[in-house]
PDB file of N, CA and C in Angstrom:
ATOM      1  N   MET A   1       5.182 -43.781 -48.099  1.00  0.00           N
ATOM      2  CA  MET A   1       5.732 -43.485 -46.920  1.00  0.00           C
ATOM      3  C   MET A   1       5.666 -41.577 -47.264  1.00  0.00           C
ATOM      4  N   THR A   2       4.980 -40.890 -46.221  1.00  0.00           N
ATOM      5  CA  THR A   2       4.653 -39.664 -46.211  1.00  0.00           C
ATOM      6  C   THR A   2       5.217 -39.151 -44.994  1.00  0.00           C
ATOM      7  N   SER A   3       6.037 -38.027 -45.081  1.00  0.00           N
ATOM      8  CA  SER A   3       6.472 -37.356 -44.281  1.00  0.00           C
ATOM      9  C   SER A   3       6.288 -35.999 -44.097  1.00  0.00           C
ATOM     10  N   SER A   4       6.287 -35.477 -42.996  1.00  0.00           N
ATOM     11  CA  SER A   4       5.795 -33.954 -42.472  1.00  0.00           C
ATOM     12  C   SER A   4       7.057 -33.192 -42.542  1.00  0.00           C
ATOM     13  N   GLY A   5       8.482 -33.529 -42.603  1.00  0.00           N
ATOM     14  CA  GLY A   5       9.411 -32.601 -42.787  1.00  0.00           C
ATOM     15  C   GLY A   5       9.726 -32.249 -41.244  1.00  0.00           C
ATOM     16  N   GLY A   6       8.982 -32.264 -40.336  1.00  0.00           N
ATOM     17  CA  GLY A   6       9.192 -31.828 -39.169  1.00  0.00           C
ATOM     18  C   GLY A   6       8.927 -30.327 -38.640  1.00  0.00           C
ATOM     19  N   GLN A   7       8.821 -30.267 -37.622  1.00  0.00           N
ATOM     20  CA  GLN A   7       8.754 -28.846 -37.302  1.00  0.00           C
ATOM     21  C   GLN A   7       9.871 -28.614 -35.902  1.00  0.00           C
ATOM     22  N   LEU A   8      10.157 -27.404 -35.924  1.00  0.00           N
ATOM     23  CA  LEU A   8      11.281 -27.084 -34.905  1.00  0.00           C
ATOM     24  C   LEU A   8      10.485 -26.279 -33.751  1.00  0.00           C
ATOM     25  N   LEU A   9      10.852 -26.827 -32.347  1.00  0.00           N
ATOM     26  CA  LEU A   9      10.231 -26.216 -31.272  1.00  0.00           C
ATOM     27  C   LEU A   9      11.051 -25.556 -30.293  1.00  0.00           C
ATOM     28  N   THR A  10      10.977 -24.493 -29.904  1.00  0.00           N
ATOM     29  CA  THR A  10      11.853 -23.819 -28.870  1.00  0.00           C
ATOM     30  C   THR A  10      11.356 -23.790 -27.484  1.00  0.00           C
ATOM     31  N   PHE A  11      11.852 -24.200 -26.585  1.00  0.00           N
ATOM     32  CA  PHE A  11      11.458 -24.064 -24.886  1.00  0.00           C
ATOM     33  C   PHE A  11      12.178 -23.038 -24.438  1.00  0.00           C
ATOM     34  N   SER A  12      11.552 -22.130 -23.887  1.00  0.00           N
ATOM     35  CA  SER A  12      12.608 -21.291 -22.843  1.00  0.00           C
ATOM     36  C   SER A  12      12.292 -21.436 -21.391  1.00  0.00           C
ATOM     37  N   ALA A  13      13.206 -21.721 -20.435  1.00  0.00           N
ATOM     38  CA  ALA A  13      12.960 -21.653 -18.984  1.00  0.00           C
ATOM     39  C   ALA A  13      14.220 -20.687 -18.682  1.00  0.00           C
ATOM     40  N   GLY A  14      13.733 -19.720 -17.829  1.00  0.00           N
ATOM     41  CA  GLY A  14      14.903 -18.552 -17.118  1.00  0.00           C
ATOM     42  C   GLY A  14      15.604 -18.224 -18.404  1.00  0.00           C
ATOM     43  N   ARG A  15      17.002 -18.496 -18.333  1.00  0.00           N
ATOM     44  CA  ARG A  15      17.884 -17.889 -19.425  1.00  0.00           C
ATOM     45  C   ARG A  15      18.390 -18.857 -20.393  1.00  0.00           C
ATOM     46  N   ARG A  16      17.727 -20.285 -20.418  1.00  0.00           N
ATOM     47  CA  ARG A  16      18.028 -21.356 -21.059  1.00  0.00           C
ATOM     48  C   ARG A  16      17.140 -21.410 -22.387  1.00  0.00           C
ATOM     49  N   ASP A  17      17.341 -21.722 -23.529  1.00  0.00           N
ATOM     50  CA  ASP A  17      16.588 -22.145 -24.451  1.00  0.00           C
ATOM     51  C   ASP A  17      17.192 -23.706 -25.087  1.00  0.00           C
ATOM     52  N   THR A  18      16.035 -24.439 -25.305  1.00  0.00           N
ATOM     53  CA  THR A  18      16.258 -25.807 -25.518  1.00  0.00           C
ATOM     54  C   THR A  18      15.238 -26.194 -27.248  1.00  0.00           C
ATOM     55  N   MET A  19      15.964 -26.394 -28.164  1.00  0.00           N
ATOM     56  CA  MET A  19      15.440 -26.666 -29.384  1.00  0.00           C
ATOM     57  C   MET A  19      15.174 -27.952 -29.439  1.00  0.00           C
ATOM     58  N   VAL A  20      14.004 -28.482 -29.970  1.00  0.00           N
ATOM     59  CA  VAL A  20      13.686 -29.884 -30.071  1.00  0.00           C
ATOM     60  C   VAL A  20      12.934 -30.119 -31.478  1.00  0.00           C
ATOM     61  N   LYS A  21      13.207 -31.003 -32.353  1.00  0.00           N
ATOM     62  CA  LYS A  21      12.394 -31.146 -33.552  1.00  0.00           C
ATOM     63  C   LYS A  21      11.501 -32.391 -33.492  1.00  0.00           C
ATOM     64  N   GLN A  22      10.449 -31.883 -34.012  1.00  0.00           N
ATOM     65  CA  GLN A  22       9.264 -33.427 -34.013  1.00  0.00           C
ATOM     66  C   GLN A  22       8.935 -33.449 -35.703  1.00  0.00           C
ATOM     67  N   ALA A  23       9.397 -34.764 -35.670  1.00  0.00           N
ATOM     68  CA  ALA A  23       8.953 -35.386 -37.236  1.00  0.00           C
ATOM     69  C   ALA A  23       7.734 -36.485 -37.357  1.00  0.00           C
ATOM     70  N   ALA A  24       6.935 -36.402 -38.330  1.00  0.00           N
ATOM     71  CA  ALA A  24       5.758 -37.563 -38.104  1.00  0.00           C
ATOM     72  C   ALA A  24       6.146 -38.016 -39.867  1.00  0.00           C
ATOM     73  N   VAL A  25       6.133 -39.407 -39.587  1.00  0.00           N
ATOM     74  CA  VAL A  25       6.024 -40.171 -40.832  1.00  0.00           C
ATOM     75  C   VAL A  25       4.927 -41.061 -41.207  1.00  0.00           C
ATOM     76  N   ARG A  26       4.274 -41.214 -41.776  1.00  0.00           N
ATOM     77  CA  ARG A  26       3.086 -42.143 -42.088  1.00  0.00           C
ATOM     78  C   ARG A  26       3.422 -43.453 -43.258  1.00  0.00           C
ATOM     79  N   ASP A  27       3.334 -44.749 -42.945  1.00  0.00           N
ATOM     80  CA  ASP A  27       3.628 -45.688 -43.926  1.00  0.00           C
ATOM     81  C   ASP A  27       2.555 -46.617 -43.822  1.00  0.00           C
ATOM     82  N   GLY A  28       1.713 -46.333 -44.547  1.00  0.00           N
ATOM     83  CA  GLY A  28       0.445 -47.425 -44.501  1.00  0.00           C
ATOM     84  C   GLY A  28      -0.400 -47.219 -43.483  1.00  0.00           C
ATOM     85  N   SER A  29      -0.672 -48.179 -42.615  1.00  0.00           N
ATOM     86  CA  SER A  29      -1.299 -47.856 -41.115  1.00  0.00           C
ATOM     87  C   SER A  29      -0.567 -47.619 -39.998  1.00  0.00           C
ATOM     88  N   VAL A  30       0.764 -47.471 -40.383  1.00  0.00           N
ATOM     89  CA  VAL A  30       1.624 -47.058 -39.090  1.00  0.00           C
ATOM     90  C   VAL A  30       1.828 -45.325 -39.114  1.00  0.00           C
ATOM     91  N   LEU A  31       1.700 -44.834 -38.062  1.00  0.00           N
ATOM     92  CA  LEU A  31       2.238 -43.365 -37.916  1.00  0.00           C
ATOM     93  C   LEU A  31       3.221 -43.206 -36.958  1.00  0.00           C
ATOM     94  N   LEU A  32       4.544 -42.839 -37.420  1.00  0.00           N
ATOM     95  CA  LEU A  32       5.551 -42.939 -36.297  1.00  0.00           C
ATOM     96  C   LEU A  32       5.804 -41.364 -36.032  1.00  0.00           C
ATOM     97  N   ILE A  33       5.914 -41.009 -34.806  1.00  0.00           N
ATOM     98  CA  ILE A  33       6.193 -39.560 -34.586  1.00  0.00           C
ATOM     99  C   ILE A  33       7.778 -39.489 -33.423  1.00  0.00           C
ATOM    100  N   VAL A  34       8.433 -38.623 -33.851  1.00  0.00           N
ATOM    101  CA  VAL A  34       9.598 -38.944 -33.294  1.00  0.00           C
ATOM    102  C   VAL A  34      10.183 -37.418 -32.871  1.00  0.00           C
ATOM    103  N   SER A  35      10.484 -37.162 -31.452  1.00  0.00           N
ATOM    104  CA  SER A  35      10.942 -35.917 -30.970  1.00  0.00           C
ATOM    105  C   SER A  35      12.220 -36.155 -30.440  1.00  0.00           C
ATOM    106  N   GLY A  36      13.179 -35.066 -30.634  1.00  0.00           N
ATOM    107  CA  GLY A  36      14.326 -35.025 -29.833  1.00  0.00           C
ATOM    108  C   GLY A  36      15.271 -33.926 -30.527  1.00  0.00           C
ATOM    109  N   SER A  37      16.691 -34.119 -30.354  1.00  0.00           N
ATOM    110  CA  SER A  37      17.501 -33.360 -30.792  1.00  0.00           C
ATOM    111  C   SER A  37      17.399 -33.205 -32.496  1.00  0.00           C
ATOM    112  N   PRO A  38      17.435 -32.023 -32.939  1.00  0.00           N
ATOM    113  CA  PRO A  38      17.235 -32.033 -34.461  1.00  0.00           C
ATOM    114  C   PRO A  38      18.074 -32.928 -35.281  1.00  0.00           C
ATOM    115  N   ALA A  39      19.598 -33.116 -34.977  1.00  0.00           N
ATOM    116  CA  ALA A  39      20.423 -34.042 -35.538  1.00  0.00           C
ATOM    117  C   ALA A  39      20.105 -35.390 -35.353  1.00  0.00           C
ATOM    118  N   LEU A  40      19.793 -35.593 -34.411  1.00  0.00           N
ATOM    119  CA  LEU A  40      19.487 -36.954 -33.844  1.00  0.00           C
ATOM    120  C   LEU A  40      18.088 -37.480 -34.560  1.00  0.00           C
ATOM    121  N   VAL A  41      17.195 -36.930 -34.508  1.00  0.00           N
ATOM    122  CA  VAL A  41      15.721 -37.035 -35.298  1.00  0.00           C
ATOM    123  C   VAL A  41      16.192 -37.335 -36.697  1.00  0.00           C
ATOM    124  N   ASP A  42      16.966 -36.427 -37.530  1.00  0.00           N
ATOM    125  CA  ASP A  42      17.144 -36.696 -38.713  1.00  0.00           C
ATOM    126  C   ASP A  42      18.108 -37.858 -39.159  1.00  0.00           C
ATOM    127  N   ARG A  43      18.970 -38.154 -38.229  1.00  0.00           N
ATOM    128  CA  ARG A  43      19.728 -39.334 -38.569  1.00  0.00           C
ATOM    129  C   ARG A  43      19.385 -40.690 -38.254  1.00  0.00           C
ATOM    130  N   HIS A  44      18.234 -40.644 -37.396  1.00  0.00           N
ATOM    131  CA  HIS A  44      17.828 -41.884 -36.937  1.00  0.00           C
ATOM    132  C   HIS A  44      16.279 -42.421 -37.583  1.00  0.00           C
ATOM    133  N   LEU A  45      15.559 -41.246 -38.055  1.00  0.00           N
ATOM    134  CA  LEU A  45      14.227 -41.222 -38.269  1.00  0.00           C
ATOM    135  C   LEU A  45      14.070 -42.538 -39.432  1.00  0.00           C
ATOM    136  N   ASP A  46      14.811 -42.755 -40.209  1.00  0.00           N
ATOM    137  CA  ASP A  46      14.700 -44.006 -41.562  1.00  0.00           C
ATOM    138  C   ASP A  46      14.791 -45.307 -40.643  1.00  0.00           C
ATOM    139  N   LYS A  47      15.819 -45.229 -39.764  1.00  0.00           N
ATOM    140  CA  LYS A  47      15.981 -46.664 -39.154  1.00  0.00           C
ATOM    141  C   LYS A  47      14.765 -47.109 -38.196  1.00  0.00           C
ATOM    142  N   THR A  48      14.298 -45.929 -37.414  1.00  0.00           N
ATOM    143  CA  THR A  48      13.438 -46.133 -36.429  1.00  0.00           C
ATOM    144  C   THR A  48      12.134 -46.514 -36.998  1.00  0.00           C
ATOM    145  N   LEU A  49      11.725 -45.838 -38.193  1.00  0.00           N
ATOM    146  CA  LEU A  49      10.685 -46.290 -39.186  1.00  0.00           C
ATOM    147  C   LEU A  49      10.623 -47.817 -39.592  1.00  0.00           C
ATOM    148  N   ALA A  50      12.022 -48.418 -40.309  1.00  0.00           N
ATOM    149  CA  ALA A  50      12.135 -49.774 -40.523  1.00  0.00           C
ATOM    150  C   ALA A  50      11.971 -50.550 -39.381  1.00  0.00           C
ATOM    151  N   LYS A  51      12.213 -50.156 -38.149  1.00  0.00           N
ATOM    152  CA  LYS A  51      12.261 -50.996 -36.940  1.00  0.00           C
ATOM    153  C   LYS A  51      10.525 -51.366 -36.723  1.00  0.00           C
ATOM    154  N   ALA A  52       9.891 -50.134 -36.792  1.00  0.00           N
ATOM    155  CA  ALA A  52       8.427 -49.974 -36.405  1.00  0.00           C
ATOM    156  C   ALA A  52       7.591 -50.836 -37.527  1.00  0.00           C
ATOM    157  N   THR A  53       8.128 -50.948 -38.641  1.00  0.00           N
ATOM    158  CA  THR A  53       7.224 -51.419 -40.013  1.00  0.00           C
ATOM    159  C   THR A  53       7.626 -52.826 -39.866  1.00  0.00           C
ATOM    160  N   ALA A  54       8.838 -53.245 -39.507  1.00  0.00           N
ATOM    161  CA  ALA A  54       9.291 -54.737 -39.442  1.00  0.00           C
ATOM    162  C   ALA A  54       8.380 -55.581 -38.252  1.00  0.00           C
ATOM    163  N   ALA A  55       7.935 -54.750 -37.235  1.00  0.00           N
ATOM    164  CA  ALA A  55       7.470 -55.207 -36.158  1.00  0.00           C
ATOM    165  C   ALA A  55       6.076 -55.539 -36.432  1.00  0.00           C
ATOM    166  N   ARG A  56       5.192 -55.255 -37.468  1.00  0.00           N
ATOM    167  CA  ARG A  56       4.078 -55.586 -38.070  1.00  0.00           C
ATOM    168  C   ARG A  56       3.356 -56.956 -37.780  1.00  0.00           C
TER     169      ARG A  56
END
């Protein structure tokens, strides 16, 4: 398994800023890209990869 560690993206609209994390993980021929709240991406990345690789 190879992980990018992720990147943090900040979007600004008007006076509001939103932070989003994007992480990419490669496991064999499966490439998984997850985006969302930084804490939720960190919490669910392993579980999501397990589901994606089990479905093959």
